[in-house]
């Protein structure tokens, strides 16, 4: 293992985090947030080098791009994390056994968290802030598209850590190579938990390859169902926001499911998306309703449904009932985020009870599936699995627990 010494250094550094108080961790996070703003020009310069190598028409360009406003938001999120209560030392269960043994279950860090992500340099800062606050060291494996951005971001963090006499290995950036990914996934004894954040191919590769524990995140095939009693004004706002706010993120809308009884309203529902140049892949019924009313219209194929577009593209599926909508989501969703637009409370409750996803919305866009939006400060990813964390993962979700047992010399018969 070529990176064995690197992993050993991270593991050793993770132990030193246990000696820091929550106050000290918060002071470091505040200092890093300030450093991001003070060093914004060098960070943006590095980001520009990455952007030069990517076509502006690539939907990942928006994910890759950093701006002054985005850096300010990153710094603000880090300050919010610093203000959150510590997730460590919480007593989650406590009791005394008949033999007098005192049992206490308390929250503790995982230790070393490995993060694999693609062209999203903001993840570097989010992962660091959440891991550091929760007492975890982190090993970062970014994508080739964001090499300069990630290197500069970690360099700024390291400068702050050194000023506090903290081992900079608590946040370590690996080379942006497939080989480094493979080594992280096989770093048994060094990496306690790996979290991949990206598209379906990345998630599948990590799940099928890893020998270390993995939490699946990220891949989002997102549907929104416009029911027979859906409000047209709510529908327009929700659908447009879910699709066009940021098309490259995992909570973006991929398929609009519409009740056949509301096809006459479909042109109005999607009219705002024409201004954003969204290509619509419509099934036969919705194509007929949109023909002559929407400029970027194409016939849907079987591949149009169940696809995470990450682009200005949207599929439309027509159904005759709530049951058909639920069946379509069953067959094509990814367990990430789903939504219903309806004024019928019974239909909404049925939808929320039946749909098997981490986040299920009623009359709100799936764009809200985000750790910061949920009041978690930031997020390390959105889990789509059921074992362990589910949905936006923040401080609480990257801690584990241990049992502390106190006795007076009791022995087991």
Protein backbone atom coordinates (compact mmCIF):
# COMPACT_ATOMS: atom_id res chain seq x y z
CA UNK A 1 0.00 0.00 0.00
CA UNK A 2 1.79 3.13 -1.27
CA UNK A 3 -0.24 5.45 0.94
CA UNK A 4 0.21 3.41 4.11
CA UNK A 5 2.38 6.06 5.77
CA UNK A 6 -0.20 8.70 4.91
CA UNK A 7 -3.00 6.68 6.50
CA UNK A 8 -0.81 5.97 9.55
CA UNK A 9 -0.23 9.71 9.99
CA UNK A 10 -3.96 10.45 9.78
CA UNK A 11 -4.79 7.70 12.28
CA UNK A 12 -2.20 9.04 14.71
CA UNK A 13 -3.44 12.61 14.26
CA UNK A 14 -7.03 11.51 14.93
CA UNK A 15 -6.03 10.48 18.45
CA UNK A 16 -4.82 14.01 19.21
CA UNK A 17 -8.28 15.43 18.51
CA UNK A 18 -9.56 13.75 21.66
CA UNK A 19 -7.53 16.20 23.77
CA UNK A 20 -9.26 19.27 22.29
CA UNK A 21 -12.23 20.85 24.04
CA UNK A 22 -15.31 21.90 22.12
CA UNK A 23 -14.30 25.52 22.74
CA UNK A 24 -10.93 24.91 21.09
CA UNK A 25 -12.54 23.19 18.12
CA UNK A 26 -14.90 26.13 17.68
CA UNK A 27 -12.04 28.61 17.79
CA UNK A 28 -10.27 26.70 15.02
CA UNK A 29 -13.40 26.59 12.87
CA UNK A 30 -13.92 30.32 13.34
CA UNK A 31 -10.30 30.95 12.34
CA UNK A 32 -10.63 28.80 9.21
CA UNK A 33 -13.86 30.60 8.24
CA UNK A 34 -12.04 33.92 8.55
CA UNK A 35 -9.08 32.56 6.58
CA UNK A 36 -11.36 31.54 3.72
CA UNK A 37 -12.48 35.15 3.32
CA UNK A 38 -8.99 36.59 3.82
CA UNK A 39 -7.58 34.21 1.20
CA UNK A 40 -10.46 34.34 -1.23
CA UNK A 41 -8.34 35.71 -4.07
CA UNK A 42 -5.87 32.81 -4.00
CA UNK A 43 -8.71 30.29 -3.63
CA UNK A 44 -10.59 31.79 -6.59
CA UNK A 45 -7.37 31.91 -8.63
CA UNK A 46 -6.86 28.20 -8.05
CA UNK A 47 -10.49 27.52 -8.88
CA UNK A 48 -10.08 29.46 -12.14
CA UNK A 49 -7.31 27.03 -13.16
CA UNK A 50 -9.74 24.14 -12.77
CA UNK A 51 -12.54 25.98 -14.55
CA UNK A 52 -10.29 26.66 -17.55
CA UNK A 53 -10.09 22.92 -18.17
CA UNK A 54 -13.86 22.37 -18.21
CA UNK A 55 -16.32 23.31 -20.93
CA UNK A 56 -18.77 25.91 -19.66
CA UNK A 57 -21.63 23.88 -21.17
CA UNK A 58 -20.78 20.95 -18.89
CA UNK A 59 -23.47 20.75 -16.17
CA UNK A 60 -20.69 20.03 -13.64
CA UNK A 61 -19.22 23.49 -14.34
CA UNK A 62 -21.66 25.03 -11.87
CA UNK A 63 -20.68 22.48 -9.20
CA UNK A 64 -17.01 23.23 -9.75
CA UNK A 65 -17.28 26.99 -9.75
CA UNK A 66 -16.45 29.03 -6.66
CA UNK A 67 -17.40 32.69 -6.40
CA UNK A 68 -16.97 35.33 -3.71
CA UNK A 69 -20.59 34.76 -2.69
CA UNK A 70 -20.12 31.00 -2.51
CA UNK A 71 -16.98 31.39 -0.41
CA UNK A 72 -18.89 33.70 1.91
CA UNK A 73 -21.62 31.06 2.19
CA UNK A 74 -19.02 28.36 2.88
CA UNK A 75 -17.48 30.48 5.63
CA UNK A 76 -20.94 31.23 7.06
CA UNK A 77 -21.79 27.51 7.13
CA UNK A 78 -18.54 26.82 8.96
CA UNK A 79 -19.37 29.48 11.55
CA UNK A 80 -22.81 27.90 11.94
CA UNK A 81 -21.20 24.52 12.59
CA UNK A 82 -19.02 26.13 15.25
CA UNK A 83 -22.13 27.45 16.99
CA UNK A 84 -23.86 24.07 17.09
CA UNK A 85 -23.80 21.97 20.27
CA UNK A 86 -21.05 19.37 20.40
CA UNK A 87 -22.24 15.91 19.32
CA UNK A 88 -19.72 14.28 21.63
CA UNK A 89 -20.15 13.08 25.20
CA UNK A 90 -23.92 12.73 24.98
CA UNK A 91 -25.29 10.05 27.28
CA UNK A 92 -27.84 8.18 25.19
CA UNK A 93 -28.57 5.39 27.67
CA UNK A 94 -27.82 4.88 31.34
CA UNK A 95 -28.81 2.24 33.88
CA UNK A 96 -27.67 0.22 36.88
CA UNK A 97 -27.89 -3.56 36.69
CA UNK A 98 -29.20 -5.70 39.60
CA UNK A 99 -25.59 -6.65 40.38
CA UNK A 100 -24.66 -2.99 40.85
CA UNK A 101 -22.76 -2.46 37.59
CA UNK A 102 -23.36 1.05 36.23
CA UNK A 103 -23.75 1.23 32.42
CA UNK A 104 -23.52 4.39 30.37
CA UNK A 105 -23.68 4.70 26.57
CA UNK A 106 -21.91 7.84 25.34
CA UNK A 107 -21.38 9.38 21.88
CA UNK A 108 -17.81 9.39 20.49
CA UNK A 109 -16.12 10.08 17.12
CA UNK A 110 -15.71 7.37 14.49
CA UNK A 111 -12.03 8.26 14.26
CA UNK A 112 -11.00 8.63 10.61
CA UNK A 113 -13.59 9.35 7.92
CA UNK A 114 -12.71 8.94 4.26
CA UNK A 115 -14.57 11.10 1.75
CA UNK A 116 -14.64 10.50 -2.01
CA UNK A 117 -16.22 13.24 -4.09
CA UNK A 118 -16.21 14.71 -7.57
CA UNK A 119 -16.07 18.26 -8.93
CA UNK A 120 -17.32 20.00 -5.78
CA UNK A 121 -14.61 21.97 -3.94
CA UNK A 122 -17.15 23.22 -1.38
CA UNK A 123 -17.28 19.65 -0.04
CA UNK A 124 -13.67 20.05 1.13
CA UNK A 125 -14.71 22.74 3.59
CA UNK A 126 -17.99 21.13 4.64
CA UNK A 127 -16.36 17.79 5.40
CA UNK A 128 -13.52 19.40 7.34
CA UNK A 129 -15.87 21.51 9.49
CA UNK A 130 -18.18 18.62 10.35
CA UNK A 131 -15.39 16.13 10.97
CA UNK A 132 -13.33 18.54 13.08
CA UNK A 133 -16.32 19.60 15.17
CA UNK A 134 -17.19 15.94 15.82
CA UNK A 135 -13.62 14.96 16.70
CA UNK A 136 -12.94 13.01 13.50
CA UNK A 137 -9.91 13.24 11.24
CA UNK A 138 -10.72 13.16 7.53
CA UNK A 139 -9.06 11.78 4.42
CA UNK A 140 -10.26 13.58 1.30
CA UNK A 141 -10.20 12.18 -2.22
CA UNK A 142 -11.46 14.80 -4.65
CA UNK A 143 -11.91 14.54 -8.39
CA UNK A 144 -9.40 15.40 -11.10
CA UNK A 145 -11.54 18.34 -12.19
CA UNK A 146 -11.02 20.16 -8.86
CA UNK A 147 -7.36 19.43 -8.07
CA UNK A 148 -6.15 23.03 -7.77
CA UNK A 149 -9.26 24.15 -5.86
CA UNK A 150 -8.98 21.32 -3.33
CA UNK A 151 -5.24 21.71 -2.86
CA UNK A 152 -5.58 25.43 -2.16
CA UNK A 153 -8.50 24.89 0.20
CA UNK A 154 -6.61 22.28 2.23
CA UNK A 155 -3.52 24.51 2.24
CA UNK A 156 -5.53 27.32 3.86
CA UNK A 157 -6.93 24.90 6.45
CA UNK A 158 -3.46 23.54 7.21
CA UNK A 159 -2.07 27.04 7.81
CA UNK A 160 -4.73 27.65 10.44
CA UNK A 161 -4.23 24.25 12.08
CA UNK A 162 -0.49 24.83 12.36
CA UNK A 163 -1.09 28.21 14.00
CA UNK A 164 -3.01 26.35 16.71
CA UNK A 165 -0.30 23.68 17.00
CA UNK A 166 -2.66 21.01 15.67
CA UNK A 167 -1.29 18.23 13.50
CA UNK A 168 -2.39 19.18 9.93
CA UNK A 169 -2.75 15.48 9.11
CA UNK A 170 -6.22 15.63 10.73
CA UNK A 171 -7.33 16.74 7.26
CA UNK A 172 -5.40 14.99 4.49
CA UNK A 173 -5.96 15.33 0.74
CA UNK A 174 -5.06 12.27 -1.34
CA UNK A 175 -3.92 12.42 -4.97
CA UNK A 176 -6.81 12.68 -7.43
CA UNK A 177 -6.18 9.23 -8.91
CA UNK A 178 -8.14 5.99 -9.18
CA UNK A 179 -5.27 4.26 -7.39
CA UNK A 180 -5.71 6.53 -4.35
CA UNK A 181 -9.43 5.71 -4.30
CA UNK A 182 -8.63 2.01 -4.29
CA UNK A 183 -6.15 2.37 -1.46
CA UNK A 184 -8.61 4.31 0.69
CA UNK A 185 -11.29 1.69 0.14
CA UNK A 186 -8.87 -0.97 1.32
CA UNK A 187 -7.34 0.95 4.24
CA UNK A 188 -8.62 -1.48 6.87
CA UNK A 189 -7.44 -0.44 10.31
CA UNK A 190 -6.87 3.15 9.23
CA UNK A 191 -10.14 4.42 7.75
CA UNK A 192 -13.11 3.78 10.03
CA UNK A 193 -15.82 4.91 7.62
CA UNK A 194 -15.93 5.87 3.94
CA UNK A 195 -18.56 8.16 2.43
CA UNK A 196 -18.75 8.48 -1.37
CA UNK A 197 -20.51 11.57 -2.67
CA UNK A 198 -21.24 11.62 -6.38
CA UNK A 199 -23.06 9.91 -9.22
CA UNK A 200 -24.38 6.39 -9.45
CA UNK A 201 -21.20 5.00 -11.07
CA UNK A 202 -19.06 6.27 -8.19
CA UNK A 203 -21.48 4.98 -5.56
CA UNK A 204 -21.67 1.54 -7.19
CA UNK A 205 -17.88 1.31 -7.53
CA UNK A 206 -17.30 2.20 -3.89
CA UNK A 207 -19.97 -0.19 -2.60
CA UNK A 208 -18.67 -3.07 -4.72
CA UNK A 209 -14.97 -2.45 -3.99
CA UNK A 210 -14.67 -1.27 -0.38
CA UNK A 211 -13.32 -3.39 2.45
CA UNK A 212 -13.94 -0.57 4.92
CA UNK A 213 -17.48 0.36 6.11
CA UNK A 214 -19.39 2.56 3.63
CA UNK A 215 -22.41 4.84 3.82
CA UNK A 216 -24.01 5.36 0.40
CA UNK A 217 -24.89 8.95 -0.47
CA UNK A 218 -25.61 11.26 -3.31
CA UNK A 219 -27.24 9.51 -6.25
CA UNK A 220 -30.65 11.09 -6.63
CA UNK A 221 -33.30 10.21 -9.21
CA UNK A 222 -35.93 12.67 -8.01
CA UNK A 223 -39.63 12.69 -8.91
CA UNK A 224 -42.44 15.16 -8.18
CA UNK A 225 -46.08 14.16 -8.60
CA UNK A 226 -48.65 16.84 -9.53
CA UNK A 227 -51.90 15.38 -8.25
CA UNK A 228 -55.47 15.88 -9.48
CA UNK A 229 -56.04 18.55 -6.79
CA UNK A 230 -52.64 20.24 -7.14
CA UNK A 231 -52.58 24.04 -6.90
CA UNK A 232 -51.31 25.53 -10.18
CA UNK A 233 -49.42 28.45 -8.59
CA UNK A 234 -47.75 26.23 -6.00
CA UNK A 235 -46.99 23.74 -8.74
CA UNK A 236 -45.26 26.25 -11.02
CA UNK A 237 -43.07 27.57 -8.22
CA UNK A 238 -42.20 24.14 -6.79
CA UNK A 239 -41.44 22.43 -10.10
CA UNK A 240 -39.36 25.31 -11.47
CA UNK A 241 -37.35 25.66 -8.26
CA UNK A 242 -36.75 21.92 -7.94
CA UNK A 243 -35.54 21.63 -11.54
CA UNK A 244 -33.66 24.86 -12.26
CA UNK A 245 -32.25 26.18 -8.96
CA UNK A 246 -29.09 24.11 -9.48
CA UNK A 247 -29.39 21.32 -12.02
CA UNK A 248 -26.14 19.56 -11.08
CA UNK A 249 -27.04 18.76 -7.46
CA UNK A 250 -28.53 15.48 -6.24
CA UNK A 251 -31.83 17.02 -5.05
CA UNK A 252 -32.68 18.46 -8.49
CA UNK A 253 -35.90 17.27 -10.13
CA UNK A 254 -35.55 14.64 -12.85
CA UNK A 255 -39.14 13.58 -13.57
CA UNK A 256 -42.47 15.37 -13.29
CA UNK A 257 -45.33 12.92 -12.85
CA UNK A 258 -48.70 14.46 -13.70
CA UNK A 259 -52.26 13.22 -13.26
CA UNK A 260 -53.98 12.81 -16.63
CA UNK A 261 -56.83 14.99 -15.38
CA UNK A 262 -54.44 17.97 -15.18
CA UNK A 263 -52.77 17.72 -18.59
CA UNK A 264 -54.52 20.89 -19.72
CA UNK A 265 -52.52 22.76 -17.06
CA UNK A 266 -49.19 21.27 -18.08
CA UNK A 267 -48.13 24.11 -20.45
CA UNK A 268 -48.58 26.63 -17.65
CA UNK A 269 -46.83 24.39 -15.11
CA UNK A 270 -43.62 24.21 -17.16
CA UNK A 271 -43.70 27.54 -19.02
CA UNK A 272 -41.00 29.15 -16.83
CA UNK A 273 -38.55 26.38 -17.64
CA UNK A 274 -38.42 27.41 -21.29
CA UNK A 275 -36.58 30.55 -20.16
CA UNK A 276 -33.97 28.30 -18.56
CA UNK A 277 -33.66 26.22 -21.78
CA UNK A 278 -34.82 23.01 -20.12
CA UNK A 279 -35.31 20.16 -22.60
CA UNK A 280 -38.44 18.17 -21.83
CA UNK A 281 -38.71 14.47 -22.64
CA UNK A 282 -42.46 13.86 -22.64
CA UNK A 283 -44.43 10.64 -22.84
CA UNK A 284 -47.16 10.39 -25.49
CA UNK A 285 -49.96 12.06 -23.49
CA UNK A 286 -47.86 14.92 -22.14
CA UNK A 287 -46.19 15.46 -25.52
CA UNK A 288 -49.63 15.99 -27.07
CA UNK A 289 -50.50 18.49 -24.31
CA UNK A 290 -47.24 20.44 -24.78
CA UNK A 291 -46.92 20.32 -28.57
CA UNK A 292 -47.02 23.86 -29.90
CA UNK A 293 -46.80 25.29 -26.36
CA UNK A 294 -43.23 24.41 -25.37
CA UNK A 295 -40.18 25.01 -27.60
CA UNK A 296 -37.71 22.37 -26.36
CA UNK A 297 -39.84 19.26 -26.59
CA UNK A 298 -38.75 15.70 -27.38
CA UNK A 299 -40.36 12.27 -27.15
CA UNK A 300 -39.46 10.32 -24.02
CA UNK A 301 -37.89 6.87 -24.25
CA UNK A 302 -37.67 4.17 -21.59
CA UNK A 303 -34.25 5.58 -20.65
CA UNK A 304 -35.79 8.99 -19.90
CA UNK A 305 -37.28 7.63 -16.70
CA UNK A 306 -35.02 6.59 -13.83
CA UNK A 307 -32.24 8.84 -15.11
CA UNK A 308 -30.43 11.40 -12.94
CA UNK A 309 -29.92 14.07 -15.59
CA UNK A 310 -27.74 16.58 -13.66
CA UNK A 311 -28.55 18.90 -16.56
CA UNK A 312 -31.25 21.17 -17.95
CA UNK A 313 -33.39 18.16 -18.85
CA UNK A 314 -36.70 16.89 -17.46
CA UNK A 315 -38.82 13.81 -18.11
CA UNK A 316 -42.63 13.89 -17.85
CA UNK A 317 -44.75 10.86 -17.06
CA UNK A 318 -48.56 10.84 -17.22
CA UNK A 319 -50.52 8.67 -14.76
CA UNK A 320 -54.18 8.06 -14.13
CA UNK A 321 -54.08 7.82 -10.35
CA UNK A 322 -52.01 8.27 -7.19
CA UNK A 323 -51.40 4.51 -7.21
CA UNK A 324 -49.82 4.72 -10.67
CA UNK A 325 -47.61 7.59 -9.52
CA UNK A 326 -46.45 5.55 -6.53
CA UNK A 327 -45.70 2.59 -8.78
CA UNK A 328 -43.62 4.80 -11.10
CA UNK A 329 -41.59 6.08 -8.14
CA UNK A 330 -41.16 2.53 -6.86
CA UNK A 331 -39.72 1.47 -10.20
CA UNK A 332 -37.64 4.56 -11.01
CA UNK A 333 -36.74 6.38 -7.78
CA UNK A 334 -33.43 6.07 -5.92
CA UNK A 335 -34.62 6.55 -2.35
CA UNK A 336 -33.33 10.13 -2.18
CA UNK A 337 -36.13 12.75 -2.34
CA UNK A 338 -39.68 12.62 -3.69
CA UNK A 339 -42.54 15.16 -3.63
CA UNK A 340 -46.29 15.47 -4.11
CA UNK A 341 -48.19 18.64 -4.99
CA UNK A 342 -51.79 18.28 -3.84
CA UNK A 343 -54.52 19.95 -1.81
CA UNK A 344 -55.89 16.55 -0.79
CA UNK A 345 -54.48 15.78 2.67
CA UNK A 346 -55.38 12.11 2.48
CA UNK A 347 -53.50 11.76 -0.82
CA UNK A 348 -50.51 13.57 0.69
CA UNK A 349 -50.44 11.36 3.78
CA UNK A 350 -50.77 8.23 1.65
CA UNK A 351 -47.89 9.44 -0.53
CA UNK A 352 -45.66 10.24 2.45
CA UNK A 353 -46.45 6.92 4.14
CA UNK A 354 -45.92 4.78 1.05
CA UNK A 355 -42.92 6.37 -0.68
CA UNK A 356 -39.66 4.70 0.32
CA UNK A 357 -37.21 7.64 0.30
CA UNK A 358 -35.05 9.51 2.78
CA UNK A 359 -37.02 12.75 2.28
CA UNK A 360 -40.67 12.93 1.21
CA UNK A 361 -42.24 16.36 0.57
CA UNK A 362 -45.78 17.70 0.43
CA UNK A 363 -46.20 21.02 -1.40
CA UNK A 364 -42.50 21.90 -1.20
CA UNK A 365 -39.59 21.41 -3.61
CA UNK A 366 -36.98 18.71 -3.19
CA UNK A 367 -34.31 21.45 -3.39
CA UNK A 368 -34.67 21.72 0.40
CA UNK A 369 -32.94 18.34 0.89
CA UNK A 370 -29.77 19.85 2.31
CA UNK A 371 -28.08 19.75 5.70
CA UNK A 372 -27.89 23.52 6.08
CA UNK A 373 -31.54 23.92 5.05
CA UNK A 374 -32.52 21.32 7.64
CA UNK A 375 -30.76 23.37 10.33
CA UNK A 376 -27.85 20.94 10.64
CA UNK A 377 -25.21 23.59 9.91
CA UNK A 378 -23.80 21.77 6.87
CA UNK A 379 -23.83 18.26 5.50
CA UNK A 380 -21.29 15.57 4.75
CA UNK A 381 -23.70 13.88 2.36
CA UNK A 382 -27.25 12.63 1.92
CA UNK A 383 -27.62 8.97 2.76
CA UNK A 384 -29.96 6.91 0.60
CA UNK A 385 -29.51 3.71 2.56
CA UNK A 386 -31.52 2.49 5.54
CA UNK A 387 -28.90 0.93 7.78
CA UNK A 388 -27.46 3.73 9.91
CA UNK A 389 -28.01 7.38 8.93
CA UNK A 390 -30.65 8.32 6.36
CA UNK A 391 -31.10 11.67 4.60
CA UNK A 392 -28.86 14.71 5.24
CA UNK A 393 -25.92 13.67 7.41
CA UNK A 394 -24.28 16.15 9.76
CA UNK A 395 -22.64 16.06 13.19
CA UNK A 396 -24.81 13.49 14.91
CA UNK A 397 -24.62 11.09 11.98
CA UNK A 398 -20.80 10.93 11.97
CA UNK A 399 -20.48 9.89 15.60
CA UNK A 400 -20.81 6.43 17.07
CA UNK A 401 -20.96 5.39 20.73
CA UNK A 402 -19.25 3.27 23.31
CA UNK A 403 -20.37 1.71 26.58
CA UNK A 404 -18.71 2.82 29.80
CA UNK A 405 -19.11 0.34 32.67
CA UNK A 406 -18.28 1.02 36.30
CA UNK A 407 -18.16 -1.62 39.03
CA UNK A 408 -17.09 -2.24 42.61
CA UNK A 409 -15.25 -5.52 42.01
CA UNK A 410 -18.23 -7.57 40.82
CA UNK A 411 -17.41 -10.80 38.97
CA UNK A 412 -19.56 -12.85 36.64
CA UNK A 413 -20.68 -16.26 38.01
